[in-house]
Amino acid sequence: MRILIFLFTSFFILADNHSSAEKEVLDRLASYYEARNNQDYKAAMSFESSLGTFNTNSDGSFHKPVLFETLEERTNNPQTGIINVYYPEAIQLSEDVVHVRFYAEGIYGSRDSSGPYRTRVTMNWVNENGNWVVKTQHYSPASYGGVHMPDKYDFK
């Protein structure tokens, strides 16, 4: 009987192909961007590793060294704009690492100086002291109107 209960409950856990860690990280990803969009820096920083993050921006600059930022520094150098997350996917790589990828689109900047923003994002979330937090972020620009030219590799 225990085996039947295990198999029955396991089916629902695996039915959507997401582990509980993947689901939790996707929920936290949504909350992270909600905090960022609301400029709630304290909340946003609670989703980032307290041991620092490794980031690569979509502006074409080189990879950044490990970032340790205080609430005061974040407040004085705000991330402005509204970014929406589209098509997030998560895959658990190990017990303590979940890889996430998605598209981000929105408006960067302020009312005085803003522009459209579209990028592809990959993140690694790690389980740090029982909480899933962002450890790495890689943003790469996704051009408006760009067209992918098919290649033999696409059909393998």
C-alpha atoms as a PDB file:
ATOM      1  CA  MET A   1       0.000   0.000   0.000  1.00  0.00           C
ATOM      2  CA  ARG A   2       2.843   2.421   0.834  1.00  0.00           C
ATOM      3  CA  ILE A   3       4.327   1.814  -2.583  1.00  0.00           C
ATOM      4  CA  LEU A   4       1.041   2.720  -4.272  1.00  0.00           C
ATOM      5  CA  ILE A   5       0.740   5.920  -2.226  1.00  0.00           C
ATOM      6  CA  PHE A   6       4.351   6.828  -3.069  1.00  0.00           C
ATOM      7  CA  LEU A   7       3.817   6.201  -6.781  1.00  0.00           C
ATOM      8  CA  PHE A   8       0.519   8.111  -6.772  1.00  0.00           C
ATOM      9  CA  THR A   9       1.960  11.182  -5.025  1.00  0.00           C
ATOM     10  CA  SER A  10       5.175  11.050  -7.059  1.00  0.00           C
ATOM     11  CA  PHE A  11       3.152  11.258 -10.249  1.00  0.00           C
ATOM     12  CA  PHE A  12       1.789  14.666  -9.271  1.00  0.00           C
ATOM     13  CA  ILE A  13       5.194  15.934  -8.189  1.00  0.00           C
ATOM     14  CA  LEU A  14       6.721  14.941 -11.524  1.00  0.00           C
ATOM     15  CA  ALA A  15       3.664  15.634 -13.697  1.00  0.00           C
ATOM     16  CA  ASP A  16       4.708  19.190 -14.525  1.00  0.00           C
ATOM     17  CA  ASN A  17       8.400  18.241 -14.724  1.00  0.00           C
ATOM     18  CA  HIS A  18       9.390  20.622 -11.931  1.00  0.00           C
ATOM     19  CA  SER A  19      10.989  19.722  -8.654  1.00  0.00           C
ATOM     20  CA  SER A  20       9.884  21.569  -5.532  1.00  0.00           C
ATOM     21  CA  ALA A  21      13.166  23.508  -5.651  1.00  0.00           C
ATOM     22  CA  GLU A  22      12.516  24.598  -9.240  1.00  0.00           C
ATOM     23  CA  LYS A  23       9.002  25.762  -8.338  1.00  0.00           C
ATOM     24  CA  GLU A  24      10.276  27.663  -5.311  1.00  0.00           C
ATOM     25  CA  VAL A  25      13.005  29.360  -7.338  1.00  0.00           C
ATOM     26  CA  LEU A  26      10.520  30.404 -10.044  1.00  0.00           C
ATOM     27  CA  ASP A  27       8.274  31.895  -7.337  1.00  0.00           C
ATOM     28  CA  ARG A  28      11.252  33.698  -5.818  1.00  0.00           C
ATOM     29  CA  LEU A  29      12.295  34.955  -9.275  1.00  0.00           C
ATOM     30  CA  ALA A  30       8.882  36.616  -9.676  1.00  0.00           C
ATOM     31  CA  SER A  31       9.151  38.150  -6.202  1.00  0.00           C
ATOM     32  CA  TYR A  32      12.707  39.328  -6.916  1.00  0.00           C
ATOM     33  CA  TYR A  33      11.646  41.263  -9.996  1.00  0.00           C
ATOM     34  CA  GLU A  34       8.563  42.602  -8.236  1.00  0.00           C
ATOM     35  CA  ALA A  35      10.838  44.024  -5.506  1.00  0.00           C
ATOM     36  CA  ARG A  36      13.244  45.444  -8.107  1.00  0.00           C
ATOM     37  CA  ASN A  37      10.410  47.046 -10.086  1.00  0.00           C
ATOM     38  CA  ASN A  38       9.016  48.578  -6.891  1.00  0.00           C
ATOM     39  CA  GLN A  39      12.508  49.809  -5.959  1.00  0.00           C
ATOM     40  CA  ASP A  40      12.224  47.923  -2.677  1.00  0.00           C
ATOM     41  CA  TYR A  41      15.979  47.450  -2.452  1.00  0.00           C
ATOM     42  CA  LYS A  42      15.951  45.741   0.921  1.00  0.00           C
ATOM     43  CA  ALA A  43      13.534  43.102  -0.366  1.00  0.00           C
ATOM     44  CA  ALA A  44      15.410  42.727  -3.679  1.00  0.00           C
ATOM     45  CA  MET A  45      18.709  42.224  -1.872  1.00  0.00           C
ATOM     46  CA  SER A  46      17.147  39.507   0.287  1.00  0.00           C
ATOM     47  CA  PHE A  47      16.935  37.407  -2.903  1.00  0.00           C
ATOM     48  CA  GLU A  48      20.667  37.807  -3.592  1.00  0.00           C
ATOM     49  CA  SER A  49      23.532  35.856  -2.049  1.00  0.00           C
ATOM     50  CA  SER A  50      24.929  37.454   1.092  1.00  0.00           C
ATOM     51  CA  LEU A  51      28.308  36.121  -0.088  1.00  0.00           C
ATOM     52  CA  GLY A  52      28.143  38.340  -3.191  1.00  0.00           C
ATOM     53  CA  THR A  53      26.946  37.818  -6.744  1.00  0.00           C
ATOM     54  CA  PHE A  54      28.735  37.395 -10.058  1.00  0.00           C
ATOM     55  CA  ASN A  55      27.118  39.460 -12.812  1.00  0.00           C
ATOM     56  CA  THR A  56      27.503  40.104 -16.519  1.00  0.00           C
ATOM     57  CA  ASN A  57      25.492  43.032 -17.864  1.00  0.00           C
ATOM     58  CA  SER A  58      23.817  43.334 -21.258  1.00  0.00           C
ATOM     59  CA  ASP A  59      25.729  46.526 -22.090  1.00  0.00           C
ATOM     60  CA  GLY A  60      28.616  44.626 -23.669  1.00  0.00           C
ATOM     61  CA  SER A  61      30.994  45.185 -20.763  1.00  0.00           C
ATOM     62  CA  PHE A  62      33.191  42.445 -19.361  1.00  0.00           C
ATOM     63  CA  HIS A  63      32.135  40.105 -16.555  1.00  0.00           C
ATOM     64  CA  LYS A  64      31.992  41.935 -13.238  1.00  0.00           C
ATOM     65  CA  PRO A  65      34.004  40.863 -10.200  1.00  0.00           C
ATOM     66  CA  VAL A  66      32.080  39.506  -7.251  1.00  0.00           C
ATOM     67  CA  LEU A  67      29.631  42.194  -6.104  1.00  0.00           C
ATOM     68  CA  PHE A  68      29.174  42.958  -2.427  1.00  0.00           C
ATOM     69  CA  GLU A  69      26.681  45.797  -2.120  1.00  0.00           C
ATOM     70  CA  THR A  70      25.185  47.464   0.934  1.00  0.00           C
ATOM     71  CA  LEU A  71      21.607  48.704   1.116  1.00  0.00           C
ATOM     72  CA  GLU A  72      22.953  52.261   1.208  1.00  0.00           C
ATOM     73  CA  GLU A  73      24.989  51.688  -1.967  1.00  0.00           C
ATOM     74  CA  ARG A  74      21.991  50.151  -3.768  1.00  0.00           C
ATOM     75  CA  THR A  75      19.762  53.026  -2.673  1.00  0.00           C
ATOM     76  CA  ASN A  76      22.285  55.602  -3.912  1.00  0.00           C
ATOM     77  CA  ASN A  77      22.700  53.767  -7.255  1.00  0.00           C
ATOM     78  CA  PRO A  78      19.148  52.603  -8.006  1.00  0.00           C
ATOM     79  CA  GLN A  79      18.151  50.165 -10.720  1.00  0.00           C
ATOM     80  CA  THR A  80      15.323  52.106 -12.332  1.00  0.00           C
ATOM     81  CA  GLY A  81      12.718  51.028 -14.827  1.00  0.00           C
ATOM     82  CA  ILE A  82      10.205  48.243 -15.110  1.00  0.00           C
ATOM     83  CA  ILE A  83      11.302  44.799 -16.237  1.00  0.00           C
ATOM     84  CA  ASN A  84       8.876  41.973 -16.970  1.00  0.00           C
ATOM     85  CA  VAL A  85       9.950  38.323 -16.978  1.00  0.00           C
ATOM     86  CA  TYR A  86       8.774  36.126 -19.864  1.00  0.00           C
ATOM     87  CA  TYR A  87       8.995  32.374 -20.383  1.00  0.00           C
ATOM     88  CA  PRO A  88      10.990  31.499 -17.258  1.00  0.00           C
ATOM     89  CA  GLU A  89      12.420  27.987 -17.159  1.00  0.00           C
ATOM     90  CA  ALA A  90      14.198  26.295 -14.274  1.00  0.00           C
ATOM     91  CA  ILE A  91      16.249  23.132 -14.033  1.00  0.00           C
ATOM     92  CA  GLN A  92      17.738  21.782 -10.836  1.00  0.00           C
ATOM     93  CA  LEU A  93      21.422  21.022 -11.461  1.00  0.00           C
ATOM     94  CA  SER A  94      22.183  19.669  -8.011  1.00  0.00           C
ATOM     95  CA  GLU A  95      20.704  19.610  -4.543  1.00  0.00           C
ATOM     96  CA  ASP A  96      21.744  23.220  -3.945  1.00  0.00           C
ATOM     97  CA  VAL A  97      21.783  24.768  -7.459  1.00  0.00           C
ATOM     98  CA  VAL A  98      18.914  25.685  -9.782  1.00  0.00           C
ATOM     99  CA  HIS A  99      19.642  27.177 -13.206  1.00  0.00           C
ATOM    100  CA  VAL A 100      17.050  29.636 -14.566  1.00  0.00           C
ATOM    101  CA  ARG A 101      16.686  31.234 -17.960  1.00  0.00           C
ATOM    102  CA  PHE A 102      14.114  33.687 -19.277  1.00  0.00           C
ATOM    103  CA  TYR A 103      13.550  36.746 -21.402  1.00  0.00           C
ATOM    104  CA  ALA A 104      13.281  40.154 -19.775  1.00  0.00           C
ATOM    105  CA  GLU A 105      11.615  43.094 -21.433  1.00  0.00           C
ATOM    106  CA  GLY A 106      10.575  46.516 -20.285  1.00  0.00           C
ATOM    107  CA  ILE A 107      11.709  50.091 -19.909  1.00  0.00           C
ATOM    108  CA  TYR A 108      14.979  51.154 -18.307  1.00  0.00           C
ATOM    109  CA  GLY A 109      15.742  54.540 -16.843  1.00  0.00           C
ATOM    110  CA  SER A 110      13.585  57.335 -15.496  1.00  0.00           C
ATOM    111  CA  ARG A 111      10.830  59.573 -16.857  1.00  0.00           C
ATOM    112  CA  ASP A 112      13.493  62.021 -18.071  1.00  0.00           C
ATOM    113  CA  SER A 113      15.669  59.458 -19.823  1.00  0.00           C
ATOM    114  CA  SER A 114      14.326  56.022 -20.647  1.00  0.00           C
ATOM    115  CA  GLY A 115      14.328  53.461 -23.405  1.00  0.00           C
ATOM    116  CA  PRO A 116      13.151  50.008 -24.337  1.00  0.00           C
ATOM    117  CA  TYR A 117      14.951  47.040 -22.842  1.00  0.00           C
ATOM    118  CA  ARG A 118      14.994  43.437 -24.073  1.00  0.00           C
ATOM    119  CA  THR A 119      17.481  40.821 -22.978  1.00  0.00           C
ATOM    120  CA  ARG A 120      18.027  37.117 -22.406  1.00  0.00           C
ATOM    121  CA  VAL A 121      18.893  36.192 -18.846  1.00  0.00           C
ATOM    122  CA  THR A 122      20.449  33.182 -17.180  1.00  0.00           C
ATOM    123  CA  MET A 123      20.820  32.899 -13.417  1.00  0.00           C
ATOM    124  CA  ASN A 124      22.088  30.346 -10.974  1.00  0.00           C
ATOM    125  CA  TRP A 125      20.205  30.237  -7.694  1.00  0.00           C
ATOM    126  CA  VAL A 126      21.859  28.516  -4.743  1.00  0.00           C
ATOM    127  CA  ASN A 127      20.454  27.242  -1.502  1.00  0.00           C
ATOM    128  CA  GLU A 128      22.122  29.449   1.094  1.00  0.00           C
ATOM    129  CA  ASN A 129      21.147  28.858   4.725  1.00  0.00           C
ATOM    130  CA  GLY A 130      17.843  27.294   3.676  1.00  0.00           C
ATOM    131  CA  ASN A 131      16.867  30.051   1.218  1.00  0.00           C
ATOM    132  CA  TRP A 132      17.179  30.084  -2.561  1.00  0.00           C
ATOM    133  CA  VAL A 133      19.164  33.163  -3.610  1.00  0.00           C
ATOM    134  CA  VAL A 134      20.721  34.505  -6.817  1.00  0.00           C
ATOM    135  CA  LYS A 135      24.440  33.762  -7.095  1.00  0.00           C
ATOM    136  CA  THR A 136      25.078  34.524 -10.784  1.00  0.00           C
ATOM    137  CA  GLN A 137      23.290  36.697 -13.333  1.00  0.00           C
ATOM    138  CA  HIS A 138      24.134  36.895 -17.037  1.00  0.00           C
ATOM    139  CA  TYR A 139      22.245  39.317 -19.274  1.00  0.00           C
ATOM    140  CA  SER A 140      22.762  39.279 -23.055  1.00  0.00           C
ATOM    141  CA  PRO A 141      20.988  41.706 -25.379  1.00  0.00           C
ATOM    142  CA  ALA A 142      18.134  40.464 -27.533  1.00  0.00           C
ATOM    143  CA  SER A 143      17.783  42.875 -30.451  1.00  0.00           C
ATOM    144  CA  TYR A 144      14.436  44.201 -31.568  1.00  0.00           C
ATOM    145  CA  GLY A 145      13.627  42.989 -35.050  1.00  0.00           C
ATOM    146  CA  GLY A 146      16.663  40.698 -35.248  1.00  0.00           C
ATOM    147  CA  VAL A 147      16.151  37.623 -37.356  1.00  0.00           C
ATOM    148  CA  HIS A 148      17.873  34.308 -36.803  1.00  0.00           C
ATOM    149  CA  MET A 149      19.336  32.871 -40.003  1.00  0.00           C
ATOM    150  CA  PRO A 150      18.851  29.090 -40.040  1.00  0.00           C
ATOM    151  CA  ASP A 151      21.936  26.965 -39.777  1.00  0.00           C
ATOM    152  CA  LYS A 152      22.467  23.204 -40.195  1.00  0.00           C
ATOM    153  CA  TYR A 153      22.943  23.034 -36.420  1.00  0.00           C
ATOM    154  CA  ASP A 154      19.305  24.097 -35.920  1.00  0.00           C
ATOM    155  CA  PHE A 155      18.096  20.870 -37.494  1.00  0.00           C
ATOM    156  CA  LYS A 156      20.259  18.358 -35.629  1.00  0.00           C
END
